[in-house]
Amino acid sequence: MHKNSALAERVRDTAYFLWEQDGRPEGRAMDYWLRAKHMHQRQLAYDQWLADGTPPDRSDLYWHAAGQELKKK
């Protein structure tokens, strides 16, 4: 399994941005990381779905594939 350090960094940056926007609450690092990860997974799935010509009734496959991509980081 290879590491996608650029994607991992984008997730961290997004989590940090969300945390700052909420006033830097303490003890919620995992909440922000999970929100950021979900946002990036949704974007990866959507981008691939668009690239494949928006096939109907296949969203679960794209969601799963994007989740697998995030696990590689």
PDB file of N, CA and C in Angstrom:
ATOM      1  N   MET A   1       0.846  -1.172   0.000  1.00  0.00           N
ATOM      2  CA  MET A   1       0.000   0.000   0.000  1.00  0.00           C
ATOM      3  C   MET A   1       0.895   1.240   0.000  1.00  0.00           C
ATOM      4  N   HIS A   2       0.621   2.184  -0.901  1.00  0.00           N
ATOM      5  CA  HIS A   2       1.420   3.401  -0.959  1.00  0.00           C
ATOM      6  C   HIS A   2       0.750   4.500  -0.144  1.00  0.00           C
ATOM      7  N   LYS A   3       1.537   5.470   0.232  1.00  0.00           N
ATOM      8  CA  LYS A   3       0.998   6.600   0.997  1.00  0.00           C
ATOM      9  C   LYS A   3       0.732   7.764   0.056  1.00  0.00           C
ATOM     10  N   ASN A   4      -0.401   8.385   0.241  1.00  0.00           N
ATOM     11  CA  ASN A   4      -0.728   9.585  -0.520  1.00  0.00           C
ATOM     12  C   ASN A   4      -0.590  10.754   0.445  1.00  0.00           C
ATOM     13  N   SER A   5       0.628  11.228   0.598  1.00  0.00           N
ATOM     14  CA  SER A   5       0.889  12.267   1.587  1.00  0.00           C
ATOM     15  C   SER A   5       0.248  13.597   1.208  1.00  0.00           C
ATOM     16  N   ALA A   6       0.079  13.873  -0.074  1.00  0.00           N
ATOM     17  CA  ALA A   6      -0.571  15.120  -0.485  1.00  0.00           C
ATOM     18  C   ALA A   6      -2.036  15.116  -0.063  1.00  0.00           C
ATOM     19  N   LEU A   7      -2.707  13.997  -0.235  1.00  0.00           N
ATOM     20  CA  LEU A   7      -4.103  13.887   0.183  1.00  0.00           C
ATOM     21  C   LEU A   7      -4.218  13.956   1.699  1.00  0.00           C
ATOM     22  N   ALA A   8      -3.325  13.284   2.402  1.00  0.00           N
ATOM     23  CA  ALA A   8      -3.330  13.329   3.865  1.00  0.00           C
ATOM     24  C   ALA A   8      -3.129  14.752   4.361  1.00  0.00           C
ATOM     25  N   GLU A   9      -2.262  15.480   3.710  1.00  0.00           N
ATOM     26  CA  GLU A   9      -2.016  16.868   4.107  1.00  0.00           C
ATOM     27  C   GLU A   9      -3.244  17.739   3.848  1.00  0.00           C
ATOM     28  N   ARG A  10      -3.927  17.501   2.729  1.00  0.00           N
ATOM     29  CA  ARG A  10      -5.151  18.273   2.445  1.00  0.00           C
ATOM     30  C   ARG A  10      -6.225  18.002   3.499  1.00  0.00           C
ATOM     31  N   VAL A  11      -6.355  16.753   3.929  1.00  0.00           N
ATOM     32  CA  VAL A  11      -7.337  16.426   4.973  1.00  0.00           C
ATOM     33  C   VAL A  11      -6.962  17.149   6.265  1.00  0.00           C
ATOM     34  N   ARG A  12      -5.690  17.104   6.635  1.00  0.00           N
ATOM     35  CA  ARG A  12      -5.243  17.807   7.854  1.00  0.00           C
ATOM     36  C   ARG A  12      -5.480  19.307   7.751  1.00  0.00           C
ATOM     37  N   ASP A  13      -5.160  19.882   6.608  1.00  0.00           N
ATOM     38  CA  ASP A  13      -5.364  21.323   6.412  1.00  0.00           C
ATOM     39  C   ASP A  13      -6.838  21.692   6.517  1.00  0.00           C
ATOM     40  N   THR A  14      -7.687  20.871   5.935  1.00  0.00           N
ATOM     41  CA  THR A  14      -9.128  21.131   6.009  1.00  0.00           C
ATOM     42  C   THR A  14      -9.614  21.021   7.445  1.00  0.00           C
ATOM     43  N   ALA A  15      -9.164  19.994   8.156  1.00  0.00           N
ATOM     44  CA  ALA A  15      -9.564  19.830   9.558  1.00  0.00           C
ATOM     45  C   ALA A  15      -9.123  21.035  10.381  1.00  0.00           C
ATOM     46  N   TYR A  16      -7.927  21.500  10.147  1.00  0.00           N
ATOM     47  CA  TYR A  16      -7.420  22.670  10.872  1.00  0.00           C
ATOM     48  C   TYR A  16      -8.246  23.912  10.544  1.00  0.00           C
ATOM     49  N   PHE A  17      -8.567  24.094   9.278  1.00  0.00           N
ATOM     50  CA  PHE A  17      -9.376  25.226   8.868  1.00  0.00           C
ATOM     51  C   PHE A  17     -10.744  25.195   9.554  1.00  0.00           C
ATOM     52  N   LEU A  18     -11.389  24.024   9.543  1.00  0.00           N
ATOM     53  CA  LEU A  18     -12.706  23.894  10.186  1.00  0.00           C
ATOM     54  C   LEU A  18     -12.611  24.192  11.679  1.00  0.00           C
ATOM     55  N   TRP A  19     -11.569  23.682  12.310  1.00  0.00           N
ATOM     56  CA  TRP A  19     -11.345  23.899  13.747  1.00  0.00           C
ATOM     57  C   TRP A  19     -11.172  25.391  14.038  1.00  0.00           C
ATOM     58  N   GLU A  20     -10.377  26.063  13.235  1.00  0.00           N
ATOM     59  CA  GLU A  20     -10.184  27.504  13.415  1.00  0.00           C
ATOM     60  C   GLU A  20     -11.486  28.273  13.212  1.00  0.00           C
ATOM     61  N   GLN A  21     -12.257  27.885  12.204  1.00  0.00           N
ATOM     62  CA  GLN A  21     -13.513  28.569  11.921  1.00  0.00           C
ATOM     63  C   GLN A  21     -14.515  28.434  13.071  1.00  0.00           C
ATOM     64  N   ASP A  22     -14.411  27.368  13.819  1.00  0.00           N
ATOM     65  CA  ASP A  22     -15.310  27.129  14.956  1.00  0.00           C
ATOM     66  C   ASP A  22     -14.768  27.702  16.262  1.00  0.00           C
ATOM     67  N   GLY A  23     -13.695  28.467  16.199  1.00  0.00           N
ATOM     68  CA  GLY A  23     -13.161  29.105  17.396  1.00  0.00           C
ATOM     69  C   GLY A  23     -12.171  28.267  18.182  1.00  0.00           C
ATOM     70  N   ARG A  24     -11.580  27.268  17.548  1.00  0.00           N
ATOM     71  CA  ARG A  24     -10.545  26.418  18.150  1.00  0.00           C
ATOM     72  C   ARG A  24     -10.986  25.704  19.440  1.00  0.00           C
ATOM     73  N   PRO A  25     -12.112  25.002  19.404  1.00  0.00           N
ATOM     74  CA  PRO A  25     -12.549  24.292  20.608  1.00  0.00           C
ATOM     75  C   PRO A  25     -11.585  23.158  20.958  1.00  0.00           C
ATOM     76  N   GLU A  26     -11.349  22.979  22.225  1.00  0.00           N
ATOM     77  CA  GLU A  26     -10.409  21.938  22.672  1.00  0.00           C
ATOM     78  C   GLU A  26     -11.090  20.573  22.742  1.00  0.00           C
ATOM     79  N   GLY A  27     -10.282  19.531  22.552  1.00  0.00           N
ATOM     80  CA  GLY A  27     -10.737  18.163  22.727  1.00  0.00           C
ATOM     81  C   GLY A  27     -11.609  17.613  21.615  1.00  0.00           C
ATOM     82  N   ARG A  28     -11.582  18.238  20.440  1.00  0.00           N
ATOM     83  CA  ARG A  28     -12.443  17.771  19.350  1.00  0.00           C
ATOM     84  C   ARG A  28     -11.666  17.504  18.068  1.00  0.00           C
ATOM     85  N   ALA A  29     -10.393  17.203  18.202  1.00  0.00           N
ATOM     86  CA  ALA A  29      -9.547  16.988  17.028  1.00  0.00           C
ATOM     87  C   ALA A  29     -10.096  15.889  16.122  1.00  0.00           C
ATOM     88  N   MET A  30     -10.540  14.784  16.703  1.00  0.00           N
ATOM     89  CA  MET A  30     -11.050  13.669  15.900  1.00  0.00           C
ATOM     90  C   MET A  30     -12.319  14.075  15.152  1.00  0.00           C
ATOM     91  N   ASP A  31     -13.180  14.861  15.786  1.00  0.00           N
ATOM     92  CA  ASP A  31     -14.398  15.331  15.114  1.00  0.00           C
ATOM     93  C   ASP A  31     -14.058  16.106  13.847  1.00  0.00           C
ATOM     94  N   TYR A  32     -13.092  16.988  13.957  1.00  0.00           N
ATOM     95  CA  TYR A  32     -12.712  17.808  12.802  1.00  0.00           C
ATOM     96  C   TYR A  32     -12.004  16.991  11.740  1.00  0.00           C
ATOM     97  N   TRP A  33     -11.189  16.055  12.163  1.00  0.00           N
ATOM     98  CA  TRP A  33     -10.510  15.209  11.188  1.00  0.00           C
ATOM     99  C   TRP A  33     -11.528  14.358  10.425  1.00  0.00           C
ATOM    100  N   LEU A  34     -12.513  13.810  11.130  1.00  0.00           N
ATOM    101  CA  LEU A  34     -13.534  12.994  10.468  1.00  0.00           C
ATOM    102  C   LEU A  34     -14.387  13.830   9.510  1.00  0.00           C
ATOM    103  N   ARG A  35     -14.732  15.037   9.909  1.00  0.00           N
ATOM    104  CA  ARG A  35     -15.476  15.930   9.013  1.00  0.00           C
ATOM    105  C   ARG A  35     -14.679  16.224   7.754  1.00  0.00           C
ATOM    106  N   ALA A  36     -13.398  16.516   7.917  1.00  0.00           N
ATOM    107  CA  ALA A  36     -12.543  16.821   6.774  1.00  0.00           C
ATOM    108  C   ALA A  36     -12.389  15.600   5.873  1.00  0.00           C
ATOM    109  N   LYS A  37     -12.206  14.450   6.471  1.00  0.00           N
ATOM    110  CA  LYS A  37     -12.059  13.213   5.693  1.00  0.00           C
ATOM    111  C   LYS A  37     -13.327  12.953   4.880  1.00  0.00           C
ATOM    112  N   HIS A  38     -14.473  13.132   5.494  1.00  0.00           N
ATOM    113  CA  HIS A  38     -15.745  12.929   4.813  1.00  0.00           C
ATOM    114  C   HIS A  38     -15.900  13.916   3.657  1.00  0.00           C
ATOM    115  N   MET A  39     -15.506  15.148   3.871  1.00  0.00           N
ATOM    116  CA  MET A  39     -15.589  16.154   2.807  1.00  0.00           C
ATOM    117  C   MET A  39     -14.726  15.761   1.608  1.00  0.00           C
ATOM    118  N   HIS A  40     -13.530  15.293   1.876  1.00  0.00           N
ATOM    119  CA  HIS A  40     -12.633  14.906   0.784  1.00  0.00           C
ATOM    120  C   HIS A  40     -13.113  13.631   0.107  1.00  0.00           C
ATOM    121  N   GLN A  41     -13.663  12.709   0.869  1.00  0.00           N
ATOM    122  CA  GLN A  41     -14.199  11.486   0.266  1.00  0.00           C
ATOM    123  C   GLN A  41     -15.353  11.829  -0.671  1.00  0.00           C
ATOM    124  N   ARG A  42     -16.223  12.702  -0.221  1.00  0.00           N
ATOM    125  CA  ARG A  42     -17.356  13.119  -1.052  1.00  0.00           C
ATOM    126  C   ARG A  42     -16.863  13.782  -2.341  1.00  0.00           C
ATOM    127  N   GLN A  43     -15.838  14.634  -2.228  1.00  0.00           N
ATOM    128  CA  GLN A  43     -15.316  15.315  -3.410  1.00  0.00           C
ATOM    129  C   GLN A  43     -14.643  14.340  -4.368  1.00  0.00           C
ATOM    130  N   LEU A  44     -13.858  13.405  -3.842  1.00  0.00           N
ATOM    131  CA  LEU A  44     -13.216  12.402  -4.698  1.00  0.00           C
ATOM    132  C   LEU A  44     -14.255  11.567  -5.442  1.00  0.00           C
ATOM    133  N   ALA A  45     -15.288  11.136  -4.722  1.00  0.00           N
ATOM    134  CA  ALA A  45     -16.338  10.317  -5.341  1.00  0.00           C
ATOM    135  C   ALA A  45     -17.058  11.103  -6.428  1.00  0.00           C
ATOM    136  N   TYR A  46     -17.386  12.350  -6.141  1.00  0.00           N
ATOM    137  CA  TYR A  46     -18.099  13.183  -7.110  1.00  0.00           C
ATOM    138  C   TYR A  46     -17.247  13.446  -8.351  1.00  0.00           C
ATOM    139  N   ASP A  47     -15.987  13.765  -8.149  1.00  0.00           N
ATOM    140  CA  ASP A  47     -15.095  14.025  -9.286  1.00  0.00           C
ATOM    141  C   ASP A  47     -14.976  12.807 -10.190  1.00  0.00           C
ATOM    142  N   GLN A  48     -14.847  11.619  -9.592  1.00  0.00           N
ATOM    143  CA  GLN A  48     -14.728  10.409 -10.403  1.00  0.00           C
ATOM    144  C   GLN A  48     -16.029  10.097 -11.123  1.00  0.00           C
ATOM    145  N   TRP A  49     -17.152  10.303 -10.432  1.00  0.00           N
ATOM    146  CA  TRP A  49     -18.468  10.101 -11.040  1.00  0.00           C
ATOM    147  C   TRP A  49     -18.635  11.002 -12.262  1.00  0.00           C
ATOM    148  N   LEU A  50     -18.238  12.277 -12.121  1.00  0.00           N
ATOM    149  CA  LEU A  50     -18.306  13.195 -13.258  1.00  0.00           C
ATOM    150  C   LEU A  50     -17.380  12.746 -14.391  1.00  0.00           C
ATOM    151  N   ALA A  51     -16.172  12.340 -14.042  1.00  0.00           N
ATOM    152  CA  ALA A  51     -15.196  11.910 -15.048  1.00  0.00           C
ATOM    153  C   ALA A  51     -15.692  10.686 -15.824  1.00  0.00           C
ATOM    154  N   ASP A  52     -16.493   9.862 -15.184  1.00  0.00           N
ATOM    155  CA  ASP A  52     -17.023   8.650 -15.829  1.00  0.00           C
ATOM    156  C   ASP A  52     -18.348   8.898 -16.555  1.00  0.00           C
ATOM    157  N   GLY A  53     -18.754  10.139 -16.651  1.00  0.00           N
ATOM    158  CA  GLY A  53     -19.955  10.455 -17.418  1.00  0.00           C
ATOM    159  C   GLY A  53     -21.255  10.385 -16.634  1.00  0.00           C
ATOM    160  N   THR A  54     -21.207  10.496 -15.354  1.00  0.00           N
ATOM    161  CA  THR A  54     -22.373  10.518 -14.445  1.00  0.00           C
ATOM    162  C   THR A  54     -23.302   9.313 -14.603  1.00  0.00           C
ATOM    163  N   PRO A  55     -22.771   8.105 -14.477  1.00  0.00           N
ATOM    164  CA  PRO A  55     -23.636   6.931 -14.616  1.00  0.00           C
ATOM    165  C   PRO A  55     -24.685   6.876 -13.499  1.00  0.00           C
ATOM    166  N   PRO A  56     -25.919   6.559 -13.855  1.00  0.00           N
ATOM    167  CA  PRO A  56     -26.976   6.509 -12.840  1.00  0.00           C
ATOM    168  C   PRO A  56     -26.826   5.299 -11.919  1.00  0.00           C
ATOM    169  N   ASP A  57     -27.305   5.446 -10.721  1.00  0.00           N
ATOM    170  CA  ASP A  57     -27.374   4.352  -9.741  1.00  0.00           C
ATOM    171  C   ASP A  57     -26.023   3.694  -9.440  1.00  0.00           C
ATOM    172  N   ARG A  58     -24.935   4.479  -9.439  1.00  0.00           N
ATOM    173  CA  ARG A  58     -23.618   3.908  -9.158  1.00  0.00           C
ATOM    174  C   ARG A  58     -22.911   4.664  -8.044  1.00  0.00           C
ATOM    175  N   SER A  59     -23.631   5.533  -7.353  1.00  0.00           N
ATOM    176  CA  SER A  59     -22.998   6.397  -6.350  1.00  0.00           C
ATOM    177  C   SER A  59     -22.304   5.603  -5.246  1.00  0.00           C
ATOM    178  N   ASP A  60     -22.873   4.472  -4.849  1.00  0.00           N
ATOM    179  CA  ASP A  60     -22.245   3.664  -3.800  1.00  0.00           C
ATOM    180  C   ASP A  60     -20.865   3.170  -4.213  1.00  0.00           C
ATOM    181  N   LEU A  61     -20.715   2.811  -5.469  1.00  0.00           N
ATOM    182  CA  LEU A  61     -19.418   2.341  -5.955  1.00  0.00           C
ATOM    183  C   LEU A  61     -18.372   3.454  -5.895  1.00  0.00           C
ATOM    184  N   TYR A  62     -18.769   4.651  -6.261  1.00  0.00           N
ATOM    185  CA  TYR A  62     -17.836   5.780  -6.231  1.00  0.00           C
ATOM    186  C   TYR A  62     -17.501   6.165  -4.793  1.00  0.00           C
ATOM    187  N   TRP A  63     -18.494   6.105  -3.923  1.00  0.00           N
ATOM    188  CA  TRP A  63     -18.268   6.419  -2.509  1.00  0.00           C
ATOM    189  C   TRP A  63     -17.261   5.433  -1.913  1.00  0.00           C
ATOM    190  N   HIS A  64     -17.446   4.150  -2.201  1.00  0.00           N
ATOM    191  CA  HIS A  64     -16.550   3.110  -1.680  1.00  0.00           C
ATOM    192  C   HIS A  64     -15.138   3.282  -2.242  1.00  0.00           C
ATOM    193  N   ALA A  65     -15.035   3.539  -3.536  1.00  0.00           N
ATOM    194  CA  ALA A  65     -13.710   3.714  -4.162  1.00  0.00           C
ATOM    195  C   ALA A  65     -12.986   4.923  -3.567  1.00  0.00           C
ATOM    196  N   ALA A  66     -13.715   5.995  -3.325  1.00  0.00           N
ATOM    197  CA  ALA A  66     -13.094   7.180  -2.718  1.00  0.00           C
ATOM    198  C   ALA A  66     -12.634   6.877  -1.296  1.00  0.00           C
ATOM    199  N   GLY A  67     -13.406   6.095  -0.561  1.00  0.00           N
ATOM    200  CA  GLY A  67     -13.000   5.683   0.784  1.00  0.00           C
ATOM    201  C   GLY A  67     -11.733   4.856   0.760  1.00  0.00           C
ATOM    202  N   GLN A  68     -11.615   3.991  -0.228  1.00  0.00           N
ATOM    203  CA  GLN A  68     -10.400   3.184  -0.378  1.00  0.00           C
ATOM    204  C   GLN A  68      -9.202   4.070  -0.686  1.00  0.00           C
ATOM    205  N   GLU A  69      -9.396   5.085  -1.507  1.00  0.00           N
ATOM    206  CA  GLU A  69      -8.313   6.009  -1.839  1.00  0.00           C
ATOM    207  C   GLU A  69      -7.839   6.744  -0.588  1.00  0.00           C
ATOM    208  N   LEU A  70      -8.770   7.136   0.241  1.00  0.00           N
ATOM    209  CA  LEU A  70      -8.392   7.829   1.479  1.00  0.00           C
ATOM    210  C   LEU A  70      -7.655   6.909   2.455  1.00  0.00           C
ATOM    211  N   LYS A  71      -7.936   5.629   2.416  1.00  0.00           N
ATOM    212  CA  LYS A  71      -7.241   4.672   3.290  1.00  0.00           C
ATOM    213  C   LYS A  71      -5.780   4.515   2.899  1.00  0.00           C
ATOM    214  N   LYS A  72      -5.469   4.802   1.642  1.00  0.00           N
ATOM    215  CA  LYS A  72      -4.086   4.683   1.166  1.00  0.00           C
ATOM    216  C   LYS A  72      -3.179   5.762   1.737  1.00  0.00           C
ATOM    217  N   LYS A  73      -3.759   6.807   2.241  1.00  0.00           N
ATOM    218  CA  LYS A  73      -2.934   7.917   2.733  1.00  0.00           C
ATOM    219  C   LYS A  73      -2.337   7.545   4.020  1.00  0.00           C
TER     220      LYS A  73
END
